């Protein structure tokens, strides 16, 4: 029987098992660069193209904060969630999209935290808002502003 709190998976190439706890959510402070780099390396595996480091995240967060300051007071930023990647122009010669490292950050009361790191299809934008607080401006306008930030 499967336990709802944890699922055990077997790696096909070895006899080790990995326990995945659905209730444990990744929560790494963006200021803790050592722990963040370790988690990013684990998610990237052997990838060498379109990768990220903790140092790549800080400038993107400062861009996010500069735009959020114009739209709402700091206390309303709670719960804001963004996907970050090291976006650049992707050639049309790719069949589909190449993989890139994505980092999801979320605003908590004590600051910005990384809640997910994954390798997904690359996009041409560096900052993509996932969940925004209730701004007076429309969400469509807010997305347009974030997409224009380079």
Foldseek 3Di string as FASTA:
>chain_A
DDDPQWDWDQDPVDRDIDIDGPVDWAWAALVPQVVQQVVQCVQCPPDDPQGDGSVVVVVVVVVVVVLVVVWDDPVQQAFWKKKFGPADDDDPPDPFAAWHKIWMWGAHPVGIITGDIHIDGGDRAGIATDDGGDTPDDPVVVRVVRRVPD
